[in-house]
Every structure is written in structure tokens, then in C-alpha cells.
């Protein structure tokens, strides 16, 4: 379950999600392409930007019931690109 206060404290860091369906995003190998940069967060949505994306995206509050993993910028830079 997403803790919005934890997300707010990590704006500027990178996040990947477990998902809610058949595939679990946390079980894949860590790679830059699986993470999103946290741009902003509030109780209604989390604003994100995918790796090398020109536009941002949004995760609405009704999708907050999934697992997640947060990496700081230093950890993210060490990841490979697949």
C-alpha cells in the first residue's frame, strides 16, 4: 500500500510499482526503464515522469493499493538500462 507521506518526502527520487494485476513490477530486474521520477505528490495523485520521457504521467489515488520501491538519485544512476 502506498504511503503518500513517504512519497512526499522523496520528491525528486525514483519509484517503481508492484502493480495490481498478473505481473508484479517489483519481481523484474532493476533497470532505469522500470522507474519513474517523483515530480509531485498529494492525496489525489502522484505526478511522475518515466525514464527519458518528454511528458509526465499521473497515478490517481484509487491506484494507491500496490507495493512500491523508492531509490534515491545516487542509487538510480548505478542501474543499467535494459
Protein backbone atom coordinates (compact mmCIF):
# COMPACT_ATOMS: atom_id res chain seq x y z
CA UNK A 1 0.00 0.00 0.00
CA UNK A 2 1.40 3.39 -1.00
CA UNK A 3 2.20 5.69 1.92
CA UNK A 4 1.65 9.17 0.49
CA UNK A 5 3.70 10.84 3.25
CA UNK A 6 6.67 8.64 2.32
CA UNK A 7 6.24 9.65 -1.32
CA UNK A 8 6.07 13.36 -0.43
CA UNK A 9 9.36 13.10 1.46
CA UNK A 10 11.01 11.53 -1.60
CA UNK A 11 10.09 14.03 -4.33
CA UNK A 12 12.95 14.03 -6.83
CA UNK A 13 13.73 10.35 -6.16
CA UNK A 14 12.70 7.39 -8.31
CA UNK A 15 9.92 4.86 -7.77
CA UNK A 16 8.71 1.61 -9.31
CA UNK A 17 5.43 -0.12 -8.61
CA UNK A 18 4.39 -3.69 -7.96
CA UNK A 19 1.15 -3.37 -9.87
CA UNK A 20 -2.24 -4.90 -9.16
CA UNK A 21 -2.64 -7.46 -11.88
CA UNK A 22 -0.97 -10.53 -13.32
CA UNK A 23 2.54 -9.05 -13.49
CA UNK A 24 4.45 -7.78 -10.46
CA UNK A 25 6.81 -4.95 -11.43
CA UNK A 26 8.95 -5.47 -8.34
CA UNK A 27 9.91 -9.00 -9.39
CA UNK A 28 11.64 -7.86 -12.59
CA UNK A 29 15.33 -6.98 -12.68
CA UNK A 30 16.10 -3.46 -11.60
CA UNK A 31 16.66 -1.19 -14.59
CA UNK A 32 16.25 2.52 -15.23
CA UNK A 33 13.37 1.88 -17.62
CA UNK A 34 11.24 0.43 -14.79
CA UNK A 35 11.42 3.51 -12.60
CA UNK A 36 9.60 6.85 -12.61
CA UNK A 37 10.87 10.15 -11.21
CA UNK A 38 8.58 11.54 -8.50
CA UNK A 39 7.68 15.07 -9.59
CA UNK A 40 4.93 15.90 -7.08
CA UNK A 41 2.51 14.14 -4.74
CA UNK A 42 -0.69 14.89 -2.88
CA UNK A 43 -3.71 12.98 -1.58
CA UNK A 44 -5.33 12.97 -5.04
CA UNK A 45 -2.44 11.80 -7.26
CA UNK A 46 1.27 11.26 -7.72
CA UNK A 47 2.87 13.10 -10.65
CA UNK A 48 5.60 11.06 -12.32
CA UNK A 49 7.97 11.17 -15.25
CA UNK A 50 9.18 7.98 -16.92
CA UNK A 51 12.83 7.47 -17.82
CA UNK A 52 13.67 9.62 -20.91
CA UNK A 53 10.02 10.65 -21.32
CA UNK A 54 9.16 14.12 -22.59
CA UNK A 55 5.82 14.27 -20.81
CA UNK A 56 4.77 13.33 -17.33
CA UNK A 57 2.07 10.97 -16.15
CA UNK A 58 -0.11 10.64 -13.10
CA UNK A 59 -1.05 7.83 -10.71
CA UNK A 60 -4.53 8.56 -9.26
CA UNK A 61 -5.39 7.89 -5.62
CA UNK A 62 -7.52 4.83 -6.42
CA UNK A 63 -4.36 3.06 -7.62
CA UNK A 64 -2.54 3.56 -4.28
CA UNK A 65 -3.20 -0.06 -3.17
CA UNK A 66 0.02 -1.54 -4.56
CA UNK A 67 3.57 -2.13 -3.40
CA UNK A 68 6.40 0.18 -4.41
CA UNK A 69 10.16 0.67 -4.16
CA UNK A 70 11.94 4.02 -3.93
CA UNK A 71 15.55 4.71 -4.95
CA UNK A 72 17.43 7.93 -4.39
CA UNK A 73 19.21 9.62 -7.31
CA UNK A 74 22.60 8.09 -6.45
CA UNK A 75 21.18 4.52 -6.44
CA UNK A 76 19.25 5.19 -9.65
CA UNK A 77 22.37 6.31 -11.55
CA UNK A 78 24.01 2.94 -10.84
CA UNK A 79 21.20 0.98 -12.55
CA UNK A 80 21.61 -0.47 -16.06
CA UNK A 81 19.31 0.39 -18.96
CA UNK A 82 17.55 -2.63 -20.49
